[in-house]
């Protein structure tokens, strides 16, 4: 799978131009992109600024000698490069496996252009194939869970547990994550908005802002672009 991810990441570096501010997504494929971008920029770090979408993305950027700036330090983001947990035929995305979807959505939606890099296993028929993550205020998670169950016909709503610690996952924003297993998602844009409207939510993993390109890496190291 590494070859597929690297192939997609290599294509994405071709969209980066001198002077750009780049939004850096979170995940294993964008980590490869950060490494390749670091090689492209070189030791001087001149010409490209990177806005990370999580602590993990920030660490990847620093490790690869990229110039890091905060979201609140920039006026515009020229290009966001991000991964996805699932991509449907209409290029709607499901994100949030790494619990970073809230800031990723701010960066991805504010960027002038968005390029998504994935391996071939992320192409799906329906976004309901995986749970949809929703970030909540910690004190409100039970009420958000109840609101979801009252609003949608879902299979389950589960508070995501942490790994290597007791208790729930704590996001970079200090929130909790509810993973919602939908039976089907026929209108991703509507579901995205409905989830946004539930009091106590901070963000959800359905992204309906259409990317400029979805670069799909294959196991043999080739790519296709949607």
N, C-alpha and C. Protein backbone atom coordinates (compact mmCIF):
# COMPACT_ATOMS: atom_id res chain seq x y z
N UNK A 1 0.82 -1.21 0.00
CA UNK A 1 0.00 0.00 0.00
C UNK A 1 0.86 1.27 0.00
N UNK A 2 2.09 1.14 0.50
CA UNK A 2 2.96 2.31 0.55
C UNK A 2 3.21 2.87 -0.85
N UNK A 3 3.43 1.99 -1.83
CA UNK A 3 3.69 2.45 -3.20
C UNK A 3 2.50 3.24 -3.75
N UNK A 4 1.29 2.78 -3.44
CA UNK A 4 0.10 3.47 -3.91
C UNK A 4 0.00 4.87 -3.29
N UNK A 5 0.24 4.94 -2.00
CA UNK A 5 0.16 6.24 -1.31
C UNK A 5 1.26 7.18 -1.79
N UNK A 6 2.46 6.64 -1.96
CA UNK A 6 3.58 7.47 -2.42
C UNK A 6 3.33 8.00 -3.82
N UNK A 7 2.76 7.17 -4.68
CA UNK A 7 2.48 7.59 -6.05
C UNK A 7 1.51 8.77 -6.07
N UNK A 8 0.45 8.69 -5.26
CA UNK A 8 -0.51 9.78 -5.19
C UNK A 8 0.13 11.04 -4.62
N UNK A 9 0.95 10.87 -3.59
CA UNK A 9 1.62 12.02 -2.96
C UNK A 9 2.58 12.70 -3.93
N UNK A 10 3.27 11.92 -4.74
CA UNK A 10 4.21 12.50 -5.71
C UNK A 10 3.48 13.37 -6.72
N UNK A 11 2.31 12.92 -7.17
CA UNK A 11 1.53 13.73 -8.11
C UNK A 11 1.13 15.06 -7.46
N UNK A 12 0.75 15.00 -6.19
CA UNK A 12 0.30 16.22 -5.49
C UNK A 12 1.40 17.26 -5.38
N UNK A 13 2.66 16.83 -5.25
CA UNK A 13 3.74 17.81 -5.16
C UNK A 13 3.84 18.65 -6.43
N UNK A 14 3.35 18.12 -7.53
CA UNK A 14 3.38 18.86 -8.79
C UNK A 14 2.45 20.05 -8.82
N UNK A 15 1.49 20.10 -7.90
CA UNK A 15 0.57 21.23 -7.83
C UNK A 15 1.14 22.38 -7.00
N UNK A 16 2.23 22.14 -6.31
CA UNK A 16 2.81 23.15 -5.41
C UNK A 16 3.74 24.06 -6.20
N UNK A 17 3.52 25.36 -6.06
CA UNK A 17 4.34 26.36 -6.75
C UNK A 17 5.00 27.29 -5.74
N UNK A 18 6.06 27.94 -6.17
CA UNK A 18 6.80 28.87 -5.32
C UNK A 18 5.87 29.97 -4.81
N UNK A 19 5.99 30.27 -3.53
CA UNK A 19 5.20 31.34 -2.92
C UNK A 19 3.87 30.91 -2.35
N UNK A 20 3.54 29.64 -2.48
CA UNK A 20 2.24 29.16 -2.02
C UNK A 20 2.20 28.94 -0.51
N UNK A 21 0.99 29.11 0.03
CA UNK A 21 0.67 28.66 1.38
C UNK A 21 -0.14 27.38 1.23
N UNK A 22 0.35 26.29 1.83
CA UNK A 22 -0.22 24.96 1.63
C UNK A 22 -0.89 24.48 2.91
N UNK A 23 -2.13 24.04 2.80
CA UNK A 23 -2.79 23.36 3.91
C UNK A 23 -2.39 21.90 3.90
N UNK A 24 -1.88 21.42 5.03
CA UNK A 24 -1.39 20.04 5.12
C UNK A 24 -2.36 19.20 5.94
N UNK A 25 -2.97 18.22 5.28
CA UNK A 25 -3.90 17.33 5.96
C UNK A 25 -3.22 16.36 6.90
N UNK A 26 -4.04 15.55 7.55
CA UNK A 26 -3.56 14.62 8.57
C UNK A 26 -3.76 13.19 8.10
N UNK A 27 -2.73 12.35 8.29
CA UNK A 27 -2.87 10.95 7.93
C UNK A 27 -1.61 10.40 7.30
N UNK A 28 -1.63 9.11 7.00
CA UNK A 28 -0.43 8.43 6.50
C UNK A 28 -0.04 8.89 5.10
N UNK A 29 -1.01 9.17 4.24
CA UNK A 29 -0.69 9.59 2.88
C UNK A 29 -0.17 11.02 2.84
N UNK A 30 -0.76 11.90 3.64
CA UNK A 30 -0.27 13.27 3.69
C UNK A 30 1.09 13.35 4.39
N UNK A 31 1.38 12.39 5.26
CA UNK A 31 2.71 12.34 5.87
C UNK A 31 3.77 12.06 4.80
N UNK A 32 3.44 11.20 3.86
CA UNK A 32 4.36 10.94 2.74
C UNK A 32 4.49 12.19 1.88
N UNK A 33 3.38 12.88 1.65
CA UNK A 33 3.42 14.14 0.89
C UNK A 33 4.33 15.15 1.58
N UNK A 34 4.25 15.26 2.90
CA UNK A 34 5.09 16.20 3.64
C UNK A 34 6.57 15.87 3.44
N UNK A 35 6.89 14.59 3.45
CA UNK A 35 8.28 14.18 3.23
C UNK A 35 8.74 14.57 1.83
N UNK A 36 7.92 14.30 0.83
CA UNK A 36 8.29 14.63 -0.54
C UNK A 36 8.36 16.14 -0.76
N UNK A 37 7.46 16.87 -0.11
CA UNK A 37 7.48 18.32 -0.23
C UNK A 37 8.74 18.89 0.41
N UNK A 38 9.14 18.31 1.55
CA UNK A 38 10.38 18.74 2.18
C UNK A 38 11.57 18.56 1.27
N UNK A 39 11.60 17.45 0.55
CA UNK A 39 12.69 17.21 -0.40
C UNK A 39 12.64 18.22 -1.55
N UNK A 40 11.44 18.56 -1.99
CA UNK A 40 11.29 19.50 -3.10
C UNK A 40 11.70 20.91 -2.69
N UNK A 41 11.32 21.32 -1.50
CA UNK A 41 11.62 22.68 -1.04
C UNK A 41 13.09 22.82 -0.71
N UNK A 42 13.67 21.80 -0.08
CA UNK A 42 15.09 21.84 0.26
C UNK A 42 15.36 22.47 1.60
N UNK A 43 16.63 22.54 1.95
CA UNK A 43 17.05 22.98 3.28
C UNK A 43 16.73 24.44 3.56
N UNK A 44 16.61 25.25 2.53
CA UNK A 44 16.37 26.69 2.74
C UNK A 44 14.97 26.97 3.28
N UNK A 45 14.02 26.07 3.01
CA UNK A 45 12.62 26.21 3.42
C UNK A 45 11.95 27.43 2.78
N UNK A 46 12.56 28.01 1.78
CA UNK A 46 12.01 29.20 1.15
C UNK A 46 10.93 28.84 0.14
N UNK A 47 9.97 29.74 -0.02
CA UNK A 47 9.02 29.62 -1.12
C UNK A 47 7.72 28.94 -0.79
N UNK A 48 7.64 28.20 0.32
CA UNK A 48 6.41 27.49 0.67
C UNK A 48 6.17 27.59 2.17
N UNK A 49 4.94 27.91 2.53
CA UNK A 49 4.52 27.88 3.93
C UNK A 49 3.47 26.80 4.10
N UNK A 50 3.49 26.13 5.24
CA UNK A 50 2.58 25.02 5.49
C UNK A 50 1.69 25.31 6.70
N UNK A 51 0.38 25.16 6.51
CA UNK A 51 -0.58 25.28 7.60
C UNK A 51 -1.03 23.88 7.99
N UNK A 52 -0.60 23.36 9.13
CA UNK A 52 -0.98 22.00 9.53
C UNK A 52 -2.40 21.95 10.08
N UNK A 53 -3.03 20.78 9.93
CA UNK A 53 -4.41 20.60 10.39
C UNK A 53 -4.51 19.82 11.69
N UNK A 54 -3.38 19.50 12.30
CA UNK A 54 -3.38 18.75 13.56
C UNK A 54 -1.99 18.80 14.16
N UNK A 55 -1.86 18.34 15.39
CA UNK A 55 -0.54 18.21 15.99
C UNK A 55 0.32 17.24 15.17
N UNK A 56 -0.31 16.16 14.71
CA UNK A 56 0.44 15.18 13.92
C UNK A 56 0.96 15.79 12.63
N UNK A 57 0.12 16.56 11.94
CA UNK A 57 0.55 17.21 10.70
C UNK A 57 1.65 18.23 10.97
N UNK A 58 1.54 18.92 12.09
CA UNK A 58 2.58 19.89 12.45
C UNK A 58 3.92 19.18 12.68
N UNK A 59 3.88 18.04 13.38
CA UNK A 59 5.10 17.28 13.62
C UNK A 59 5.70 16.80 12.30
N UNK A 60 4.85 16.32 11.39
CA UNK A 60 5.34 15.87 10.09
C UNK A 60 6.01 17.02 9.33
N UNK A 61 5.40 18.20 9.38
CA UNK A 61 5.96 19.35 8.68
C UNK A 61 7.31 19.75 9.27
N UNK A 62 7.38 19.82 10.59
CA UNK A 62 8.64 20.20 11.25
C UNK A 62 9.72 19.17 10.99
N UNK A 63 9.35 17.90 11.09
CA UNK A 63 10.31 16.81 10.86
C UNK A 63 10.91 16.88 9.47
N UNK A 64 10.12 17.34 8.51
CA UNK A 64 10.58 17.41 7.13
C UNK A 64 11.06 18.81 6.74
N UNK A 65 11.37 19.62 7.77
CA UNK A 65 12.02 20.92 7.58
C UNK A 65 11.18 21.90 6.76
N UNK A 66 9.86 21.81 6.91
CA UNK A 66 8.98 22.74 6.22
C UNK A 66 8.68 23.93 7.13
N UNK A 67 8.44 25.07 6.53
CA UNK A 67 8.13 26.28 7.28
C UNK A 67 6.67 26.24 7.71
N UNK A 68 6.43 26.19 9.01
CA UNK A 68 5.09 26.03 9.56
C UNK A 68 4.53 27.38 10.00
N UNK A 69 3.27 27.63 9.63
CA UNK A 69 2.55 28.81 10.11
C UNK A 69 1.18 28.36 10.59
N UNK A 70 0.63 29.08 11.55
CA UNK A 70 -0.69 28.75 12.07
C UNK A 70 -1.80 29.26 11.17
N UNK A 71 -2.95 28.62 11.27
CA UNK A 71 -4.10 29.05 10.48
C UNK A 71 -4.45 30.50 10.74
N UNK A 72 -4.28 30.94 11.99
CA UNK A 72 -4.62 32.32 12.34
C UNK A 72 -3.55 33.32 11.93
N UNK A 73 -2.48 32.84 11.30
CA UNK A 73 -1.41 33.73 10.85
C UNK A 73 -1.48 34.03 9.36
N UNK A 74 -2.39 33.39 8.65
CA UNK A 74 -2.46 33.56 7.20
C UNK A 74 -3.81 34.14 6.79
N UNK A 75 -3.80 34.88 5.69
CA UNK A 75 -5.04 35.43 5.15
C UNK A 75 -5.69 34.46 4.17
N UNK A 76 -4.86 33.78 3.39
CA UNK A 76 -5.38 32.86 2.38
C UNK A 76 -4.55 31.58 2.37
N UNK A 77 -5.17 30.51 1.91
CA UNK A 77 -4.50 29.23 1.69
C UNK A 77 -4.63 28.93 0.20
N UNK A 78 -3.52 28.83 -0.47
CA UNK A 78 -3.56 28.64 -1.93
C UNK A 78 -4.00 27.24 -2.32
N UNK A 79 -3.50 26.26 -1.59
CA UNK A 79 -3.76 24.86 -1.93
C UNK A 79 -3.78 24.03 -0.67
N UNK A 80 -4.79 23.19 -0.53
CA UNK A 80 -4.81 22.21 0.55
C UNK A 80 -4.60 20.83 -0.06
N UNK A 81 -3.74 20.05 0.56
CA UNK A 81 -3.51 18.66 0.15
C UNK A 81 -3.89 17.78 1.33
N UNK A 82 -4.85 16.90 1.11
CA UNK A 82 -5.41 16.13 2.21
C UNK A 82 -5.70 14.71 1.74
N UNK A 83 -5.89 13.82 2.68
CA UNK A 83 -6.29 12.46 2.38
C UNK A 83 -7.78 12.29 2.65
N UNK A 84 -8.25 11.05 2.61
CA UNK A 84 -9.65 10.75 2.90
C UNK A 84 -9.77 9.29 3.29
N UNK A 85 -10.78 9.00 4.09
CA UNK A 85 -11.07 7.62 4.46
C UNK A 85 -11.96 6.95 3.42
N UNK A 86 -12.72 7.76 2.68
CA UNK A 86 -13.58 7.24 1.62
C UNK A 86 -13.90 8.37 0.65
N UNK A 87 -14.03 8.00 -0.64
CA UNK A 87 -14.39 8.95 -1.69
C UNK A 87 -15.45 8.28 -2.56
N UNK A 88 -16.61 8.95 -2.73
CA UNK A 88 -17.64 8.36 -3.59
C UNK A 88 -17.51 8.86 -5.02
N UNK A 89 -18.41 8.44 -5.89
CA UNK A 89 -18.31 8.75 -7.31
C UNK A 89 -18.48 10.24 -7.61
N UNK A 90 -19.15 10.95 -6.70
CA UNK A 90 -19.35 12.39 -6.88
C UNK A 90 -18.24 13.20 -6.22
N UNK A 91 -17.22 12.53 -5.74
CA UNK A 91 -16.07 13.14 -5.06
C UNK A 91 -16.45 13.78 -3.72
N UNK A 92 -17.53 13.27 -3.11
CA UNK A 92 -17.79 13.58 -1.71
C UNK A 92 -16.83 12.74 -0.87
N UNK A 93 -16.43 13.29 0.26
CA UNK A 93 -15.40 12.65 1.07
C UNK A 93 -15.92 12.28 2.45
N UNK A 94 -15.32 11.24 3.01
CA UNK A 94 -15.49 10.92 4.42
C UNK A 94 -14.11 10.98 5.07
N UNK A 95 -14.01 11.78 6.13
CA UNK A 95 -12.74 11.98 6.81
C UNK A 95 -12.95 11.89 8.32
N UNK A 96 -11.85 11.82 9.06
CA UNK A 96 -11.95 11.85 10.51
C UNK A 96 -11.51 10.59 11.21
N UNK A 97 -10.92 9.64 10.46
CA UNK A 97 -10.39 8.45 11.12
C UNK A 97 -9.30 8.80 12.12
N UNK A 98 -8.60 9.90 11.86
CA UNK A 98 -7.57 10.38 12.77
C UNK A 98 -8.06 11.45 13.72
N UNK A 99 -9.38 11.68 13.75
CA UNK A 99 -10.02 12.62 14.68
C UNK A 99 -9.59 14.07 14.45
N UNK A 100 -9.20 14.39 13.22
CA UNK A 100 -8.73 15.75 12.92
C UNK A 100 -9.65 16.47 11.94
N UNK A 101 -10.86 15.96 11.74
CA UNK A 101 -11.70 16.47 10.65
C UNK A 101 -12.17 17.91 10.84
N UNK A 102 -12.26 18.38 12.07
CA UNK A 102 -12.81 19.73 12.28
C UNK A 102 -11.88 20.80 11.71
N UNK A 103 -10.61 20.75 12.07
CA UNK A 103 -9.67 21.73 11.52
C UNK A 103 -9.36 21.44 10.06
N UNK A 104 -9.35 20.16 9.69
CA UNK A 104 -9.17 19.83 8.27
C UNK A 104 -10.26 20.48 7.42
N UNK A 105 -11.48 20.48 7.93
CA UNK A 105 -12.58 21.07 7.15
C UNK A 105 -12.40 22.58 7.00
N UNK A 106 -11.96 23.24 8.05
CA UNK A 106 -11.71 24.68 7.96
C UNK A 106 -10.67 24.96 6.87
N UNK A 107 -9.56 24.23 6.92
CA UNK A 107 -8.48 24.45 5.96
C UNK A 107 -8.90 24.06 4.55
N UNK A 108 -9.52 22.90 4.41
CA UNK A 108 -9.91 22.41 3.08
C UNK A 108 -10.96 23.29 2.42
N UNK A 109 -11.91 23.78 3.21
CA UNK A 109 -12.98 24.59 2.64
C UNK A 109 -12.53 26.03 2.36
N UNK A 110 -11.55 26.51 3.11
CA UNK A 110 -11.06 27.87 2.90
C UNK A 110 -10.00 27.95 1.80
N UNK A 111 -9.38 26.83 1.47
CA UNK A 111 -8.32 26.84 0.46
C UNK A 111 -8.90 27.18 -0.92
N UNK A 112 -8.09 27.87 -1.71
CA UNK A 112 -8.51 28.20 -3.07
C UNK A 112 -8.71 26.93 -3.90
N UNK A 113 -7.82 25.97 -3.71
CA UNK A 113 -7.92 24.68 -4.40
C UNK A 113 -7.67 23.55 -3.40
N UNK A 114 -8.30 22.42 -3.67
CA UNK A 114 -8.15 21.25 -2.80
C UNK A 114 -7.78 20.04 -3.65
N UNK A 115 -6.70 19.37 -3.27
CA UNK A 115 -6.29 18.13 -3.92
C UNK A 115 -6.32 17.01 -2.88
N UNK A 116 -7.02 15.94 -3.20
CA UNK A 116 -7.15 14.80 -2.31
C UNK A 116 -6.28 13.66 -2.83
N UNK A 117 -5.50 13.06 -1.94
CA UNK A 117 -4.62 11.95 -2.32
C UNK A 117 -5.01 10.71 -1.51
N UNK A 118 -5.31 9.63 -2.23
CA UNK A 118 -5.76 8.40 -1.59
C UNK A 118 -5.18 7.20 -2.33
N UNK A 119 -5.25 6.04 -1.69
CA UNK A 119 -4.97 4.81 -2.41
C UNK A 119 -6.29 4.23 -2.93
N UNK A 120 -6.20 3.24 -3.79
CA UNK A 120 -7.36 2.74 -4.51
C UNK A 120 -8.43 2.13 -3.60
N UNK A 121 -8.07 1.73 -2.39
CA UNK A 121 -9.05 1.10 -1.50
C UNK A 121 -10.05 2.09 -0.93
N UNK A 122 -9.81 3.39 -1.11
CA UNK A 122 -10.68 4.41 -0.52
C UNK A 122 -11.85 4.79 -1.43
N UNK A 123 -11.91 4.24 -2.64
CA UNK A 123 -13.03 4.53 -3.54
C UNK A 123 -14.22 3.65 -3.16
N UNK A 124 -15.37 4.29 -2.92
CA UNK A 124 -16.54 3.56 -2.41
C UNK A 124 -17.80 3.96 -3.18
N UNK A 125 -18.83 3.15 -3.04
CA UNK A 125 -20.12 3.45 -3.65
C UNK A 125 -20.93 4.44 -2.80
N UNK A 126 -20.82 4.29 -1.47
CA UNK A 126 -21.62 5.10 -0.56
C UNK A 126 -20.81 5.40 0.69
N UNK A 127 -20.89 6.64 1.17
CA UNK A 127 -20.10 7.04 2.34
C UNK A 127 -20.54 6.33 3.61
N UNK A 128 -21.69 5.69 3.58
CA UNK A 128 -22.17 4.96 4.76
C UNK A 128 -21.40 3.66 4.99
N UNK A 129 -20.45 3.37 4.12
CA UNK A 129 -19.66 2.14 4.28
C UNK A 129 -18.81 2.18 5.55
N UNK A 130 -18.56 3.38 6.07
CA UNK A 130 -17.78 3.54 7.29
C UNK A 130 -18.51 4.50 8.23
N UNK A 131 -18.24 4.44 9.53
CA UNK A 131 -18.87 5.38 10.45
C UNK A 131 -18.48 6.83 10.16
N UNK A 132 -19.42 7.73 10.33
CA UNK A 132 -19.18 9.16 10.16
C UNK A 132 -18.81 9.75 11.52
N UNK A 133 -17.61 10.32 11.65
CA UNK A 133 -17.23 10.91 12.94
C UNK A 133 -17.80 12.31 13.11
N UNK A 134 -18.25 12.58 14.32
CA UNK A 134 -18.73 13.91 14.68
C UNK A 134 -18.01 14.33 15.95
N UNK A 135 -17.37 15.49 15.91
CA UNK A 135 -16.71 16.01 17.11
C UNK A 135 -17.71 16.82 17.92
N UNK A 136 -17.71 16.59 19.24
CA UNK A 136 -18.65 17.27 20.11
C UNK A 136 -17.93 17.96 21.26
N UNK A 137 -18.61 18.92 21.87
CA UNK A 137 -18.16 19.42 23.16
C UNK A 137 -18.19 18.25 24.15
N UNK A 138 -17.17 18.09 24.97
CA UNK A 138 -17.14 16.95 25.89
C UNK A 138 -18.39 16.83 26.76
N UNK A 139 -18.86 17.95 27.26
CA UNK A 139 -20.00 17.91 28.18
C UNK A 139 -21.32 17.62 27.45
N UNK A 140 -21.30 17.73 26.12
CA UNK A 140 -22.55 17.61 25.35
C UNK A 140 -22.69 16.29 24.61
N UNK A 141 -21.73 15.37 24.74
CA UNK A 141 -21.73 14.20 23.86
C UNK A 141 -22.99 13.35 23.98
N UNK A 142 -23.52 13.18 25.19
CA UNK A 142 -24.72 12.36 25.36
C UNK A 142 -25.93 13.00 24.68
N UNK A 143 -25.99 14.33 24.73
CA UNK A 143 -27.11 15.03 24.11
C UNK A 143 -26.99 15.03 22.59
N UNK A 144 -25.76 15.15 22.08
CA UNK A 144 -25.56 15.04 20.63
C UNK A 144 -25.92 13.64 20.17
N UNK A 145 -25.52 12.63 20.92
CA UNK A 145 -25.86 11.24 20.58
C UNK A 145 -27.38 11.07 20.50
N UNK A 146 -28.08 11.61 21.48
CA UNK A 146 -29.54 11.52 21.49
C UNK A 146 -30.14 12.26 20.29
N UNK A 147 -29.60 13.43 19.97
CA UNK A 147 -30.09 14.20 18.83
C UNK A 147 -29.90 13.45 17.52
N UNK A 148 -28.74 12.80 17.38
CA UNK A 148 -28.47 12.02 16.17
C UNK A 148 -29.49 10.89 16.04
N UNK A 149 -29.74 10.19 17.13
CA UNK A 149 -30.67 9.05 17.10
C UNK A 149 -32.10 9.51 16.82
N UNK A 150 -32.44 10.73 17.23
CA UNK A 150 -33.78 11.26 16.98
C UNK A 150 -33.93 11.82 15.56
N UNK A 151 -32.81 12.25 14.96
CA UNK A 151 -32.85 12.91 13.66
C UNK A 151 -32.69 11.93 12.49
N UNK A 152 -31.87 10.89 12.69
CA UNK A 152 -31.52 9.99 11.60
C UNK A 152 -31.89 8.54 11.93
N UNK A 153 -32.04 7.76 10.88
CA UNK A 153 -32.22 6.31 11.01
C UNK A 153 -30.83 5.68 10.93
N UNK A 154 -30.22 5.41 12.08
CA UNK A 154 -28.84 4.94 12.11
C UNK A 154 -28.75 3.57 12.76
N UNK A 155 -27.67 2.87 12.45
CA UNK A 155 -27.43 1.57 13.06
C UNK A 155 -26.86 1.70 14.47
N UNK A 156 -25.95 2.68 14.65
CA UNK A 156 -25.32 2.84 15.96
C UNK A 156 -24.67 4.22 16.06
N UNK A 157 -24.51 4.69 17.29
CA UNK A 157 -23.76 5.91 17.60
C UNK A 157 -22.86 5.56 18.78
N UNK A 158 -21.55 5.59 18.57
CA UNK A 158 -20.60 5.10 19.56
C UNK A 158 -19.59 6.18 19.91
N UNK A 159 -19.37 6.38 21.20
CA UNK A 159 -18.31 7.28 21.66
C UNK A 159 -16.97 6.60 21.43
N UNK A 160 -16.09 7.25 20.67
CA UNK A 160 -14.81 6.63 20.32
C UNK A 160 -13.88 6.57 21.53
N UNK A 161 -13.39 5.37 21.80
CA UNK A 161 -12.49 5.17 22.92
C UNK A 161 -11.04 5.41 22.51
N UNK A 162 -10.23 5.83 23.47
CA UNK A 162 -8.83 6.09 23.21
C UNK A 162 -8.02 4.82 23.13
N UNK A 163 -6.84 4.91 22.54
CA UNK A 163 -5.90 3.80 22.47
C UNK A 163 -4.66 4.19 23.26
N UNK A 164 -4.26 3.34 24.20
CA UNK A 164 -3.11 3.66 25.03
C UNK A 164 -3.47 4.56 26.20
N UNK A 165 -4.77 4.77 26.42
CA UNK A 165 -5.24 5.57 27.55
C UNK A 165 -6.62 5.08 27.94
N UNK A 166 -7.04 5.41 29.14
CA UNK A 166 -8.39 5.09 29.56
C UNK A 166 -9.34 6.21 29.13
N UNK A 167 -10.56 5.82 28.78
CA UNK A 167 -11.54 6.83 28.43
C UNK A 167 -11.57 7.16 26.96
N UNK A 168 -12.34 8.18 26.59
CA UNK A 168 -12.55 8.51 25.18
C UNK A 168 -11.36 9.22 24.54
N UNK A 169 -11.35 9.18 23.21
CA UNK A 169 -10.40 9.98 22.43
C UNK A 169 -10.63 11.46 22.76
N UNK A 170 -9.56 12.20 22.94
CA UNK A 170 -9.63 13.65 23.09
C UNK A 170 -8.97 14.27 21.86
N UNK A 171 -9.70 15.07 21.12
CA UNK A 171 -9.16 15.66 19.90
C UNK A 171 -8.19 16.79 20.22
N UNK A 172 -7.51 17.28 19.19
CA UNK A 172 -6.62 18.43 19.37
C UNK A 172 -7.36 19.66 19.87
N UNK A 173 -8.68 19.70 19.63
CA UNK A 173 -9.50 20.82 20.08
C UNK A 173 -10.10 20.60 21.46
N UNK A 174 -9.81 19.43 22.06
CA UNK A 174 -10.37 19.11 23.36
C UNK A 174 -11.74 18.48 23.31
N UNK A 175 -12.18 18.06 22.11
CA UNK A 175 -13.51 17.49 21.96
C UNK A 175 -13.53 15.97 22.04
N UNK A 176 -14.75 15.42 22.06
CA UNK A 176 -14.98 13.98 21.97
C UNK A 176 -15.40 13.65 20.54
N UNK A 177 -15.31 12.36 20.18
CA UNK A 177 -15.73 11.90 18.86
C UNK A 177 -16.84 10.87 19.00
N UNK A 178 -17.95 11.11 18.31
CA UNK A 178 -19.00 10.11 18.15
C UNK A 178 -18.88 9.52 16.75
N UNK A 179 -18.85 8.19 16.65
CA UNK A 179 -18.82 7.52 15.35
C UNK A 179 -20.23 7.02 15.04
N UNK A 180 -20.80 7.55 13.95
CA UNK A 180 -22.19 7.26 13.58
C UNK A 180 -22.22 6.31 12.39
N UNK A 181 -22.83 5.15 12.57
CA UNK A 181 -22.97 4.19 11.47
C UNK A 181 -24.35 4.38 10.84
N UNK A 182 -24.34 5.02 9.66
CA UNK A 182 -25.58 5.21 8.91
C UNK A 182 -25.90 3.95 8.11
N UNK A 183 -27.18 3.72 7.89
CA UNK A 183 -27.59 2.61 7.03
C UNK A 183 -27.30 2.95 5.56
N UNK A 184 -27.51 4.22 5.22
CA UNK A 184 -27.25 4.71 3.86
C UNK A 184 -27.18 6.22 3.91
N UNK A 185 -26.37 6.79 3.03
CA UNK A 185 -26.30 8.25 2.90
C UNK A 185 -26.60 8.58 1.45
N UNK A 186 -27.82 8.99 1.17
CA UNK A 186 -28.22 9.27 -0.20
C UNK A 186 -27.95 10.72 -0.60
N UNK A 187 -27.86 11.60 0.39
CA UNK A 187 -27.62 13.02 0.12
C UNK A 187 -26.56 13.53 1.09
N UNK A 188 -25.27 13.35 0.75
CA UNK A 188 -24.20 13.74 1.68
C UNK A 188 -24.25 15.19 2.11
N UNK A 189 -24.57 16.10 1.19
CA UNK A 189 -24.60 17.52 1.54
C UNK A 189 -25.67 17.81 2.59
N UNK A 190 -26.82 17.17 2.46
CA UNK A 190 -27.90 17.38 3.42
C UNK A 190 -27.52 16.83 4.79
N UNK A 191 -26.93 15.64 4.81
CA UNK A 191 -26.52 15.04 6.09
C UNK A 191 -25.43 15.87 6.75
N UNK A 192 -24.48 16.35 5.95
CA UNK A 192 -23.43 17.21 6.49
C UNK A 192 -24.03 18.42 7.18
N UNK A 193 -24.98 19.08 6.53
CA UNK A 193 -25.59 20.28 7.10
C UNK A 193 -26.43 19.96 8.32
N UNK A 194 -27.17 18.85 8.27
CA UNK A 194 -27.99 18.47 9.42
C UNK A 194 -27.12 18.18 10.65
N UNK A 195 -26.01 17.52 10.44
CA UNK A 195 -25.10 17.26 11.56
C UNK A 195 -24.51 18.56 12.10
N UNK A 196 -24.17 19.47 11.19
CA UNK A 196 -23.64 20.77 11.62
C UNK A 196 -24.63 21.53 12.50
N UNK A 197 -25.92 21.33 12.23
CA UNK A 197 -26.96 22.09 12.92
C UNK A 197 -27.29 21.55 14.32
N UNK A 198 -26.78 20.38 14.66
CA UNK A 198 -27.09 19.81 15.98
C UNK A 198 -26.31 20.55 17.06
N UNK A 199 -26.97 21.11 18.06
CA UNK A 199 -26.26 21.82 19.12
C UNK A 199 -25.26 20.90 19.83
N UNK A 200 -24.08 21.44 20.08
CA UNK A 200 -23.04 20.67 20.76
C UNK A 200 -22.00 20.07 19.84
N UNK A 201 -22.25 20.13 18.52
CA UNK A 201 -21.28 19.58 17.57
C UNK A 201 -20.26 20.65 17.19
N UNK A 202 -19.03 20.19 16.93
CA UNK A 202 -17.96 21.08 16.48
C UNK A 202 -17.62 20.87 15.01
N UNK A 203 -17.91 19.71 14.49
CA UNK A 203 -17.62 19.42 13.09
C UNK A 203 -17.87 17.95 12.81
N UNK A 204 -18.07 17.62 11.53
CA UNK A 204 -18.30 16.22 11.17
C UNK A 204 -17.44 15.83 9.97
N UNK A 205 -17.38 14.54 9.70
CA UNK A 205 -16.44 14.01 8.73
C UNK A 205 -16.92 13.93 7.30
N UNK A 206 -18.12 14.41 7.00
CA UNK A 206 -18.59 14.46 5.61
C UNK A 206 -18.12 15.77 4.99
N UNK A 207 -17.39 15.66 3.89
CA UNK A 207 -16.88 16.83 3.17
C UNK A 207 -17.50 16.84 1.78
N UNK A 208 -18.32 17.86 1.51
CA UNK A 208 -18.96 17.94 0.19
C UNK A 208 -18.39 19.08 -0.66
N UNK A 209 -17.37 19.76 -0.15
CA UNK A 209 -16.65 20.71 -0.99
C UNK A 209 -15.86 19.89 -2.01
N UNK A 210 -16.16 20.06 -3.30
CA UNK A 210 -15.57 19.22 -4.32
C UNK A 210 -14.11 19.59 -4.55
N UNK A 211 -13.21 18.61 -4.50
CA UNK A 211 -11.79 18.89 -4.75
C UNK A 211 -11.52 19.16 -6.22
N UNK A 212 -10.43 19.90 -6.46
CA UNK A 212 -9.97 20.12 -7.83
C UNK A 212 -9.61 18.78 -8.47
N UNK A 213 -8.89 17.97 -7.72
CA UNK A 213 -8.47 16.65 -8.19
C UNK A 213 -8.52 15.65 -7.04
N UNK A 214 -8.86 14.42 -7.37
CA UNK A 214 -8.65 13.29 -6.46
C UNK A 214 -7.64 12.38 -7.14
N UNK A 215 -6.46 12.29 -6.55
CA UNK A 215 -5.39 11.48 -7.12
C UNK A 215 -5.41 10.12 -6.42
N UNK A 216 -5.59 9.07 -7.21
CA UNK A 216 -5.74 7.72 -6.66
C UNK A 216 -4.50 6.90 -6.99
N UNK A 217 -3.79 6.47 -5.96
CA UNK A 217 -2.61 5.64 -6.16
C UNK A 217 -2.97 4.17 -6.25
N UNK A 218 -2.23 3.44 -7.09
CA UNK A 218 -2.45 2.01 -7.28
C UNK A 218 -1.25 1.22 -6.75
N UNK A 219 -1.45 -0.06 -6.45
CA UNK A 219 -0.36 -0.86 -5.87
C UNK A 219 0.89 -0.95 -6.74
N UNK A 220 0.74 -0.79 -8.06
CA UNK A 220 1.91 -0.89 -8.95
C UNK A 220 2.65 0.44 -9.08
N UNK A 221 2.21 1.46 -8.33
CA UNK A 221 2.90 2.74 -8.35
C UNK A 221 2.38 3.71 -9.39
N UNK A 222 1.32 3.34 -10.11
CA UNK A 222 0.70 4.26 -11.06
C UNK A 222 -0.46 4.97 -10.39
N UNK A 223 -1.01 5.99 -11.06
CA UNK A 223 -2.12 6.74 -10.50
C UNK A 223 -3.18 7.01 -11.55
N UNK A 224 -4.38 7.28 -11.07
CA UNK A 224 -5.44 7.85 -11.90
C UNK A 224 -5.93 9.10 -11.19
N UNK A 225 -6.50 10.02 -11.95
CA UNK A 225 -6.99 11.27 -11.38
C UNK A 225 -8.46 11.44 -11.71
N UNK A 226 -9.24 11.70 -10.69
CA UNK A 226 -10.68 11.90 -10.86
C UNK A 226 -11.00 13.38 -10.91
